[in-house]
Amino acid sequence: MARQQVTVIGQDRLEKHLKKLSNVAWLFDKDVKAVATKSARILKDKTPKDTGATAKKWTKPKKIKDSVYLVQNTAGTQDKKWNIAMILNDGRDAVTPRRAKALYIPISKKGKKKKLGQPIPKSFKFGIDYVFSKFSKLVKGTFFIDKEAARASKEITTMILKKVRKIHGSRR
């Protein structure tokens, strides 16, 4: 089988222009910050609202270094083992009880206030505030984080290409 070779016309000139720049990461830092800020806002808006305060837990973009920003969600489960935003994005498998006979499933806001490991308060009403179940079904993810990552990637690529063309002097 013959190997095929691809050559990019003008790549050598582009590399020369980029080498002339002393700090490429600094050059694109404003664009990356703008996209990170927009992504944080979009993620906050796209987070399912029936999950409590999860949407409010998205952080502002934190600068790690030039052209590297971190946006994260700090909402976790009561036992601090799982990130709720990632469960919403990826989904989860079926859940069965490990130590107890049944799962405690809160229905109302009042039922959600019960702390992990505490007994059920007498003021809670079975069937209104909570129910018990032998298992919880598999839940499909919404992939809202993945969709936003793809959108942000396209946007930053477009912004970088515009800036490179401006530096390179291309007329496209």
N, C-alpha and C. Protein backbone atom coordinates (compact mmCIF):
# COMPACT_ATOMS: atom_id res chain seq x y z
N MET A 1 0.85 -1.17 0.00
CA MET A 1 0.00 0.00 0.00
C MET A 1 0.90 1.24 0.00
N ALA A 2 0.62 2.14 -0.89
CA ALA A 2 1.44 3.34 -1.02
C ALA A 2 1.07 4.35 0.05
N ARG A 3 2.07 5.02 0.58
CA ARG A 3 1.83 6.07 1.57
C ARG A 3 1.48 7.35 0.85
N GLN A 4 0.55 8.05 1.41
CA GLN A 4 0.18 9.33 0.83
C GLN A 4 0.76 10.44 1.68
N GLN A 5 1.12 11.50 1.03
CA GLN A 5 1.75 12.60 1.73
C GLN A 5 0.92 13.86 1.48
N VAL A 6 0.77 14.64 2.54
CA VAL A 6 0.02 15.89 2.44
C VAL A 6 0.97 17.04 2.73
N THR A 7 0.95 18.03 1.87
CA THR A 7 1.74 19.23 2.12
C THR A 7 0.79 20.41 2.22
N VAL A 8 1.05 21.26 3.20
CA VAL A 8 0.22 22.44 3.40
C VAL A 8 0.94 23.62 2.77
N ILE A 9 0.27 24.25 1.82
CA ILE A 9 0.88 25.39 1.13
C ILE A 9 0.88 26.59 2.08
N GLY A 10 2.01 27.19 2.25
CA GLY A 10 2.12 28.38 3.09
C GLY A 10 2.42 28.07 4.54
N GLN A 11 2.54 26.80 4.90
CA GLN A 11 2.79 26.45 6.30
C GLN A 11 4.16 26.94 6.75
N ASP A 12 5.15 26.86 5.88
CA ASP A 12 6.50 27.31 6.26
C ASP A 12 6.52 28.81 6.56
N ARG A 13 5.78 29.60 5.76
CA ARG A 13 5.72 31.05 6.03
C ARG A 13 4.99 31.33 7.34
N LEU A 14 3.92 30.58 7.59
CA LEU A 14 3.17 30.75 8.82
C LEU A 14 4.04 30.41 10.04
N GLU A 15 4.80 29.33 9.95
CA GLU A 15 5.68 28.95 11.05
C GLU A 15 6.74 30.02 11.31
N LYS A 16 7.24 30.64 10.24
CA LYS A 16 8.22 31.72 10.42
C LYS A 16 7.60 32.90 11.17
N HIS A 17 6.37 33.25 10.80
CA HIS A 17 5.69 34.35 11.49
C HIS A 17 5.45 34.02 12.96
N LEU A 18 5.04 32.79 13.23
CA LEU A 18 4.78 32.41 14.62
C LEU A 18 6.06 32.35 15.44
N LYS A 19 7.17 31.95 14.81
CA LYS A 19 8.45 31.91 15.53
C LYS A 19 8.93 33.30 15.88
N LYS A 20 8.53 34.28 15.07
CA LYS A 20 8.92 35.66 15.35
C LYS A 20 8.27 36.17 16.64
N LEU A 21 7.11 35.62 16.95
CA LEU A 21 6.42 36.04 18.16
C LEU A 21 7.13 35.42 19.37
N SER A 22 7.38 36.22 20.38
CA SER A 22 8.12 35.71 21.53
C SER A 22 7.27 34.83 22.43
N ASN A 23 5.96 35.11 22.54
CA ASN A 23 5.12 34.34 23.45
C ASN A 23 3.75 34.14 22.80
N VAL A 24 3.56 33.01 22.15
CA VAL A 24 2.33 32.73 21.42
C VAL A 24 1.15 32.56 22.38
N ALA A 25 1.38 31.92 23.53
CA ALA A 25 0.29 31.74 24.51
C ALA A 25 -0.24 33.09 24.98
N TRP A 26 0.64 34.04 25.18
CA TRP A 26 0.22 35.38 25.61
C TRP A 26 -0.59 36.06 24.51
N LEU A 27 -0.23 35.83 23.26
CA LEU A 27 -0.92 36.44 22.13
C LEU A 27 -2.39 36.06 22.09
N PHE A 28 -2.71 34.81 22.39
CA PHE A 28 -4.08 34.33 22.31
C PHE A 28 -4.80 34.36 23.66
N ASP A 29 -4.17 34.88 24.69
CA ASP A 29 -4.74 34.85 26.04
C ASP A 29 -6.09 35.58 26.13
N LYS A 30 -6.22 36.74 25.51
CA LYS A 30 -7.49 37.49 25.57
C LYS A 30 -8.62 36.69 24.94
N ASP A 31 -8.34 36.07 23.81
CA ASP A 31 -9.35 35.28 23.12
C ASP A 31 -9.78 34.07 23.96
N VAL A 32 -8.81 33.39 24.56
CA VAL A 32 -9.12 32.22 25.38
C VAL A 32 -9.93 32.63 26.60
N LYS A 33 -9.58 33.77 27.21
CA LYS A 33 -10.32 34.25 28.37
C LYS A 33 -11.77 34.58 28.00
N ALA A 34 -11.97 35.21 26.85
CA ALA A 34 -13.31 35.56 26.40
C ALA A 34 -14.16 34.30 26.18
N VAL A 35 -13.57 33.29 25.57
CA VAL A 35 -14.30 32.04 25.33
C VAL A 35 -14.58 31.32 26.65
N ALA A 36 -13.63 31.32 27.58
CA ALA A 36 -13.83 30.67 28.88
C ALA A 36 -14.95 31.36 29.66
N THR A 37 -14.99 32.68 29.62
CA THR A 37 -16.04 33.43 30.31
C THR A 37 -17.41 33.12 29.71
N LYS A 38 -17.47 33.10 28.39
CA LYS A 38 -18.73 32.78 27.71
C LYS A 38 -19.16 31.36 28.01
N SER A 39 -18.22 30.42 28.03
CA SER A 39 -18.53 29.03 28.32
C SER A 39 -19.06 28.86 29.74
N ALA A 40 -18.49 29.57 30.70
CA ALA A 40 -18.96 29.48 32.08
C ALA A 40 -20.42 29.94 32.18
N ARG A 41 -20.74 31.01 31.46
CA ARG A 41 -22.12 31.51 31.45
C ARG A 41 -23.07 30.51 30.78
N ILE A 42 -22.65 29.94 29.67
CA ILE A 42 -23.48 28.97 28.95
C ILE A 42 -23.68 27.70 29.79
N LEU A 43 -22.62 27.23 30.44
CA LEU A 43 -22.74 26.04 31.27
C LEU A 43 -23.71 26.29 32.43
N LYS A 44 -23.66 27.47 32.98
CA LYS A 44 -24.58 27.83 34.07
C LYS A 44 -26.02 27.80 33.56
N ASP A 45 -26.24 28.32 32.36
CA ASP A 45 -27.59 28.35 31.78
C ASP A 45 -28.08 26.96 31.37
N LYS A 46 -27.19 26.10 30.87
CA LYS A 46 -27.57 24.79 30.34
C LYS A 46 -27.68 23.71 31.42
N THR A 47 -27.17 23.98 32.63
CA THR A 47 -27.27 22.99 33.70
C THR A 47 -28.74 22.79 34.05
N PRO A 48 -29.21 21.55 34.09
CA PRO A 48 -30.62 21.30 34.43
C PRO A 48 -31.00 21.96 35.76
N LYS A 49 -32.09 22.69 35.76
CA LYS A 49 -32.47 23.49 36.92
C LYS A 49 -33.10 22.68 38.05
N ASP A 50 -33.55 21.46 37.77
CA ASP A 50 -34.18 20.67 38.82
C ASP A 50 -33.16 19.98 39.73
N THR A 51 -31.90 20.34 39.62
CA THR A 51 -30.85 19.71 40.42
C THR A 51 -30.40 20.59 41.58
N GLY A 52 -31.23 21.51 41.98
CA GLY A 52 -30.88 22.36 43.13
C GLY A 52 -29.92 23.46 42.74
N ALA A 53 -28.88 23.62 43.53
CA ALA A 53 -27.95 24.73 43.35
C ALA A 53 -26.76 24.36 42.46
N THR A 54 -26.87 23.29 41.71
CA THR A 54 -25.75 22.84 40.87
C THR A 54 -25.35 23.89 39.84
N ALA A 55 -26.31 24.56 39.25
CA ALA A 55 -26.02 25.57 38.22
C ALA A 55 -25.23 26.74 38.82
N LYS A 56 -25.49 27.06 40.07
CA LYS A 56 -24.80 28.19 40.72
C LYS A 56 -23.37 27.85 41.11
N LYS A 57 -23.00 26.58 41.08
CA LYS A 57 -21.69 26.15 41.53
C LYS A 57 -20.60 26.23 40.45
N TRP A 58 -20.94 26.70 39.24
CA TRP A 58 -19.91 26.89 38.21
C TRP A 58 -19.04 28.07 38.62
N THR A 59 -17.73 27.88 38.58
CA THR A 59 -16.80 28.93 38.98
C THR A 59 -16.51 29.86 37.81
N LYS A 60 -16.05 31.06 38.15
CA LYS A 60 -15.57 31.98 37.11
C LYS A 60 -14.27 31.41 36.56
N PRO A 61 -13.91 31.74 35.33
CA PRO A 61 -12.65 31.21 34.78
C PRO A 61 -11.46 31.64 35.64
N LYS A 62 -10.68 30.65 36.05
CA LYS A 62 -9.49 30.91 36.86
C LYS A 62 -8.26 30.72 35.97
N LYS A 63 -7.43 31.75 35.92
CA LYS A 63 -6.25 31.70 35.05
C LYS A 63 -5.18 30.82 35.68
N ILE A 64 -4.78 29.79 34.96
CA ILE A 64 -3.71 28.90 35.41
C ILE A 64 -2.37 29.43 34.90
N LYS A 65 -2.33 29.73 33.62
CA LYS A 65 -1.20 30.38 32.97
C LYS A 65 -1.72 30.99 31.68
N ASP A 66 -0.87 31.60 30.89
CA ASP A 66 -1.32 32.22 29.64
C ASP A 66 -2.06 31.21 28.77
N SER A 67 -3.24 31.60 28.31
CA SER A 67 -4.10 30.79 27.44
C SER A 67 -4.57 29.49 28.08
N VAL A 68 -4.54 29.41 29.40
CA VAL A 68 -5.06 28.23 30.11
C VAL A 68 -5.94 28.72 31.25
N TYR A 69 -7.26 28.45 31.12
CA TYR A 69 -8.23 28.86 32.13
C TYR A 69 -9.00 27.63 32.61
N LEU A 70 -9.37 27.64 33.89
CA LEU A 70 -10.10 26.53 34.48
C LEU A 70 -11.49 26.98 34.88
N VAL A 71 -12.51 26.29 34.38
CA VAL A 71 -13.89 26.49 34.77
C VAL A 71 -14.36 25.15 35.31
N GLN A 72 -14.83 25.14 36.55
CA GLN A 72 -15.25 23.87 37.14
C GLN A 72 -16.53 24.03 37.94
N ASN A 73 -17.15 22.90 38.22
CA ASN A 73 -18.36 22.88 39.03
C ASN A 73 -18.03 22.18 40.33
N THR A 74 -18.31 22.84 41.45
CA THR A 74 -17.94 22.31 42.75
C THR A 74 -19.07 21.59 43.45
N ALA A 75 -20.22 21.40 42.80
CA ALA A 75 -21.35 20.72 43.43
C ALA A 75 -21.07 19.23 43.51
N GLY A 76 -21.17 18.68 44.70
CA GLY A 76 -20.92 17.26 44.89
C GLY A 76 -22.05 16.60 45.65
N THR A 77 -22.01 15.28 45.69
CA THR A 77 -23.00 14.55 46.46
C THR A 77 -22.72 14.73 47.94
N GLN A 78 -23.64 14.30 48.80
CA GLN A 78 -23.47 14.48 50.24
C GLN A 78 -22.22 13.79 50.76
N ASP A 79 -21.87 12.64 50.19
CA ASP A 79 -20.69 11.91 50.66
C ASP A 79 -19.39 12.41 50.00
N LYS A 80 -19.49 13.44 49.16
CA LYS A 80 -18.34 14.09 48.50
C LYS A 80 -17.58 13.15 47.55
N LYS A 81 -18.22 12.08 47.09
CA LYS A 81 -17.55 11.14 46.19
C LYS A 81 -17.77 11.47 44.73
N TRP A 82 -18.88 12.13 44.39
CA TRP A 82 -19.24 12.31 42.99
C TRP A 82 -19.56 13.77 42.71
N ASN A 83 -19.22 14.20 41.52
CA ASN A 83 -19.54 15.55 41.07
C ASN A 83 -20.90 15.49 40.36
N ILE A 84 -21.85 16.28 40.82
CA ILE A 84 -23.21 16.22 40.28
C ILE A 84 -23.24 16.65 38.81
N ALA A 85 -22.46 17.65 38.44
CA ALA A 85 -22.45 18.11 37.05
C ALA A 85 -21.98 17.00 36.11
N MET A 86 -21.01 16.20 36.55
CA MET A 86 -20.53 15.11 35.71
C MET A 86 -21.57 13.99 35.61
N ILE A 87 -22.33 13.76 36.68
CA ILE A 87 -23.41 12.77 36.62
C ILE A 87 -24.47 13.23 35.63
N LEU A 88 -24.81 14.53 35.66
CA LEU A 88 -25.80 15.06 34.72
C LEU A 88 -25.29 14.96 33.29
N ASN A 89 -24.01 15.18 33.09
CA ASN A 89 -23.43 15.14 31.76
C ASN A 89 -23.30 13.70 31.24
N ASP A 90 -22.74 12.81 32.04
CA ASP A 90 -22.42 11.46 31.59
C ASP A 90 -23.52 10.44 31.87
N GLY A 91 -24.41 10.75 32.82
CA GLY A 91 -25.41 9.77 33.24
C GLY A 91 -24.81 8.86 34.30
N ARG A 92 -25.57 7.85 34.70
CA ARG A 92 -25.08 6.90 35.70
C ARG A 92 -25.74 5.55 35.48
N ASP A 93 -25.11 4.53 36.03
CA ASP A 93 -25.67 3.18 35.97
C ASP A 93 -26.78 3.03 37.00
N ALA A 94 -27.44 1.90 36.97
CA ALA A 94 -28.46 1.60 37.98
C ALA A 94 -27.80 1.56 39.35
N VAL A 95 -28.53 1.99 40.38
CA VAL A 95 -28.01 2.03 41.73
C VAL A 95 -28.81 1.07 42.59
N THR A 96 -28.10 0.24 43.37
CA THR A 96 -28.74 -0.66 44.32
C THR A 96 -28.17 -0.38 45.70
N PRO A 97 -28.92 -0.67 46.76
CA PRO A 97 -28.39 -0.41 48.11
C PRO A 97 -27.23 -1.33 48.43
N ARG A 98 -26.25 -0.84 49.17
CA ARG A 98 -25.08 -1.65 49.54
C ARG A 98 -25.20 -2.17 50.96
N ARG A 99 -25.55 -1.28 51.89
CA ARG A 99 -25.62 -1.69 53.29
C ARG A 99 -27.06 -1.82 53.79
N ALA A 100 -27.94 -0.97 53.29
CA ALA A 100 -29.33 -0.97 53.75
C ALA A 100 -30.17 -1.92 52.89
N LYS A 101 -31.42 -2.07 53.32
CA LYS A 101 -32.33 -2.94 52.57
C LYS A 101 -32.91 -2.22 51.35
N ALA A 102 -33.00 -0.89 51.45
CA ALA A 102 -33.59 -0.12 50.35
C ALA A 102 -32.92 1.25 50.27
N LEU A 103 -33.07 1.89 49.11
CA LEU A 103 -32.55 3.24 48.91
C LEU A 103 -33.55 4.27 49.42
N TYR A 104 -33.04 5.31 50.06
CA TYR A 104 -33.86 6.44 50.47
C TYR A 104 -33.89 7.40 49.29
N ILE A 105 -35.07 7.68 48.76
CA ILE A 105 -35.19 8.58 47.61
C ILE A 105 -36.06 9.77 48.02
N PRO A 106 -35.46 10.95 48.12
CA PRO A 106 -36.25 12.13 48.49
C PRO A 106 -37.13 12.58 47.33
N ILE A 107 -38.32 13.07 47.67
CA ILE A 107 -39.24 13.56 46.64
C ILE A 107 -39.37 15.08 46.75
N SER A 108 -39.56 15.57 47.95
CA SER A 108 -39.76 17.01 48.15
C SER A 108 -38.45 17.68 48.59
N LYS A 109 -38.46 19.00 48.61
CA LYS A 109 -37.29 19.74 49.11
C LYS A 109 -37.03 19.39 50.57
N LYS A 110 -38.09 19.20 51.30
CA LYS A 110 -37.98 18.83 52.71
C LYS A 110 -37.25 17.48 52.82
N GLY A 111 -37.59 16.53 51.97
CA GLY A 111 -36.95 15.22 51.97
C GLY A 111 -35.48 15.28 51.60
N LYS A 112 -35.12 16.25 50.76
CA LYS A 112 -33.71 16.39 50.35
C LYS A 112 -32.84 16.96 51.45
N LYS A 113 -33.44 17.57 52.48
CA LYS A 113 -32.67 18.19 53.56
C LYS A 113 -32.11 17.17 54.55
N LYS A 114 -32.56 15.92 54.47
CA LYS A 114 -32.05 14.89 55.38
C LYS A 114 -30.57 14.67 55.10
N LYS A 115 -29.77 14.68 56.14
CA LYS A 115 -28.33 14.47 56.01
C LYS A 115 -28.02 12.99 55.87
N LEU A 116 -26.93 12.69 55.20
CA LEU A 116 -26.49 11.32 54.98
C LEU A 116 -26.23 10.63 56.32
N GLY A 117 -26.82 9.47 56.53
CA GLY A 117 -26.57 8.70 57.74
C GLY A 117 -27.48 9.03 58.92
N GLN A 118 -28.20 10.13 58.85
CA GLN A 118 -29.10 10.49 59.95
C GLN A 118 -30.42 9.73 59.81
N PRO A 119 -31.09 9.51 60.94
CA PRO A 119 -32.41 8.86 60.85
C PRO A 119 -33.43 9.80 60.21
N ILE A 120 -34.48 9.22 59.68
CA ILE A 120 -35.52 10.02 59.03
C ILE A 120 -36.33 10.74 60.12
N PRO A 121 -36.43 12.08 60.06
CA PRO A 121 -37.20 12.81 61.06
C PRO A 121 -38.67 12.40 61.06
N LYS A 122 -39.31 12.47 62.21
CA LYS A 122 -40.71 12.05 62.33
C LYS A 122 -41.65 12.98 61.57
N SER A 123 -41.20 14.21 61.29
CA SER A 123 -42.05 15.15 60.55
C SER A 123 -42.14 14.81 59.06
N PHE A 124 -41.22 13.96 58.54
CA PHE A 124 -41.26 13.56 57.14
C PHE A 124 -42.38 12.57 56.91
N LYS A 125 -43.10 12.72 55.81
CA LYS A 125 -44.22 11.83 55.48
C LYS A 125 -43.82 10.92 54.32
N PHE A 126 -43.96 9.60 54.56
CA PHE A 126 -43.65 8.62 53.52
C PHE A 126 -44.58 8.82 52.32
N GLY A 127 -44.04 8.84 51.13
CA GLY A 127 -44.83 9.02 49.91
C GLY A 127 -44.97 10.48 49.51
N ILE A 128 -44.72 11.40 50.44
CA ILE A 128 -44.80 12.83 50.13
C ILE A 128 -43.40 13.44 50.12
N ASP A 129 -42.65 13.17 51.19
CA ASP A 129 -41.30 13.70 51.31
C ASP A 129 -40.24 12.72 50.82
N TYR A 130 -40.50 11.43 50.93
CA TYR A 130 -39.52 10.41 50.53
C TYR A 130 -40.23 9.09 50.24
N VAL A 131 -39.49 8.20 49.58
CA VAL A 131 -39.93 6.82 49.36
C VAL A 131 -38.70 5.92 49.48
N PHE A 132 -38.94 4.62 49.58
CA PHE A 132 -37.86 3.63 49.58
C PHE A 132 -37.95 2.84 48.28
N SER A 133 -36.80 2.39 47.79
CA SER A 133 -36.78 1.62 46.55
C SER A 133 -35.67 0.58 46.62
N LYS A 134 -35.87 -0.54 45.94
CA LYS A 134 -34.84 -1.60 45.89
C LYS A 134 -33.71 -1.23 44.93
N PHE A 135 -34.03 -0.38 43.94
CA PHE A 135 -33.00 0.07 43.00
C PHE A 135 -33.45 1.36 42.34
N SER A 136 -32.50 2.04 41.74
CA SER A 136 -32.79 3.24 40.96
C SER A 136 -32.31 2.97 39.54
N LYS A 137 -33.15 3.28 38.56
CA LYS A 137 -32.84 2.94 37.16
C LYS A 137 -31.64 3.73 36.62
N LEU A 138 -31.10 3.21 35.57
CA LEU A 138 -30.04 3.86 34.82
C LEU A 138 -30.55 5.22 34.31
N VAL A 139 -29.68 6.23 34.32
CA VAL A 139 -30.05 7.57 33.86
C VAL A 139 -29.10 7.96 32.74
N LYS A 140 -29.66 8.35 31.60
CA LYS A 140 -28.83 8.81 30.48
C LYS A 140 -28.36 10.23 30.74
N GLY A 141 -27.16 10.53 30.28
CA GLY A 141 -26.62 11.87 30.43
C GLY A 141 -27.15 12.81 29.36
N THR A 142 -27.06 14.11 29.65
CA THR A 142 -27.50 15.12 28.68
C THR A 142 -26.35 15.60 27.81
N PHE A 143 -25.12 15.32 28.21
CA PHE A 143 -23.91 15.69 27.48
C PHE A 143 -23.81 17.20 27.25
N PHE A 144 -24.36 18.00 28.16
CA PHE A 144 -24.33 19.45 27.99
C PHE A 144 -22.91 20.00 28.12
N ILE A 145 -22.05 19.38 28.91
CA ILE A 145 -20.66 19.84 29.04
C ILE A 145 -19.90 19.52 27.76
N ASP A 146 -20.10 18.33 27.22
CA ASP A 146 -19.42 17.92 25.98
C ASP A 146 -19.82 18.82 24.81
N LYS A 147 -21.12 19.15 24.73
CA LYS A 147 -21.60 20.02 23.65
C LYS A 147 -20.99 21.41 23.76
N GLU A 148 -20.89 21.91 25.00
CA GLU A 148 -20.30 23.24 25.19
C GLU A 148 -18.80 23.22 24.88
N ALA A 149 -18.12 22.14 25.23
CA ALA A 149 -16.69 22.03 24.92
C ALA A 149 -16.46 22.05 23.41
N ALA A 150 -17.32 21.37 22.65
CA ALA A 150 -17.20 21.36 21.19
C ALA A 150 -17.47 22.75 20.62
N ARG A 151 -18.50 23.44 21.14
CA ARG A 151 -18.82 24.78 20.67
C ARG A 151 -17.68 25.75 20.98
N ALA A 152 -17.14 25.67 22.18
CA ALA A 152 -16.04 26.56 22.58
C ALA A 152 -14.79 26.29 21.75
N SER A 153 -14.54 25.02 21.44
CA SER A 153 -13.38 24.65 20.62
C SER A 153 -13.48 25.28 19.23
N LYS A 154 -14.68 25.21 18.64
CA LYS A 154 -14.86 25.82 17.32
C LYS A 154 -14.68 27.34 17.39
N GLU A 155 -15.22 27.95 18.44
CA GLU A 155 -15.13 29.40 18.57
C GLU A 155 -13.68 29.86 18.76
N ILE A 156 -12.93 29.19 19.62
CA ILE A 156 -11.54 29.60 19.85
C ILE A 156 -10.69 29.35 18.61
N THR A 157 -10.99 28.27 17.89
CA THR A 157 -10.25 28.00 16.65
C THR A 157 -10.48 29.11 15.64
N THR A 158 -11.72 29.55 15.50
CA THR A 158 -12.05 30.65 14.58
C THR A 158 -11.33 31.93 14.99
N MET A 159 -11.34 32.23 16.29
CA MET A 159 -10.69 33.46 16.78
C MET A 159 -9.18 33.42 16.55
N ILE A 160 -8.57 32.26 16.79
CA ILE A 160 -7.13 32.13 16.61
C ILE A 160 -6.77 32.24 15.13
N LEU A 161 -7.58 31.61 14.27
CA LEU A 161 -7.32 31.70 12.83
C LEU A 161 -7.41 33.14 12.33
N LYS A 162 -8.38 33.89 12.82
CA LYS A 162 -8.50 35.30 12.44
C LYS A 162 -7.26 36.07 12.84
N LYS A 163 -6.79 35.82 14.07
CA LYS A 163 -5.62 36.55 14.55
C LYS A 163 -4.37 36.15 13.77
N VAL A 164 -4.24 34.84 13.48
CA VAL A 164 -3.08 34.37 12.71
C VAL A 164 -3.10 34.95 11.31
N ARG A 165 -4.28 34.99 10.68
CA ARG A 165 -4.38 35.57 9.33
C ARG A 165 -4.05 37.05 9.35
N LYS A 166 -4.43 37.72 10.42
CA LYS A 166 -4.12 39.14 10.54
C LYS A 166 -2.60 39.34 10.63
N ILE A 167 -1.93 38.48 11.41
CA ILE A 167 -0.48 38.56 11.56
C ILE A 167 0.20 38.13 10.27
N HIS A 168 -0.32 37.07 9.67
CA HIS A 168 0.28 36.48 8.47
C HIS A 168 0.06 37.34 7.24
N GLY A 169 -1.01 38.13 7.25
CA GLY A 169 -1.29 39.00 6.11
C GLY A 169 -2.12 38.33 5.04
N SER A 170 -2.74 37.19 5.38
CA SER A 170 -3.59 36.49 4.42
C SER A 170 -4.87 37.28 4.18
N ARG A 171 -5.45 37.16 3.01
CA ARG A 171 -6.65 37.93 2.66
C ARG A 171 -7.92 37.08 2.73
N ARG A 172 -7.89 35.90 3.27
CA ARG A 172 -9.08 35.05 3.36
C ARG A 172 -10.02 35.50 4.41
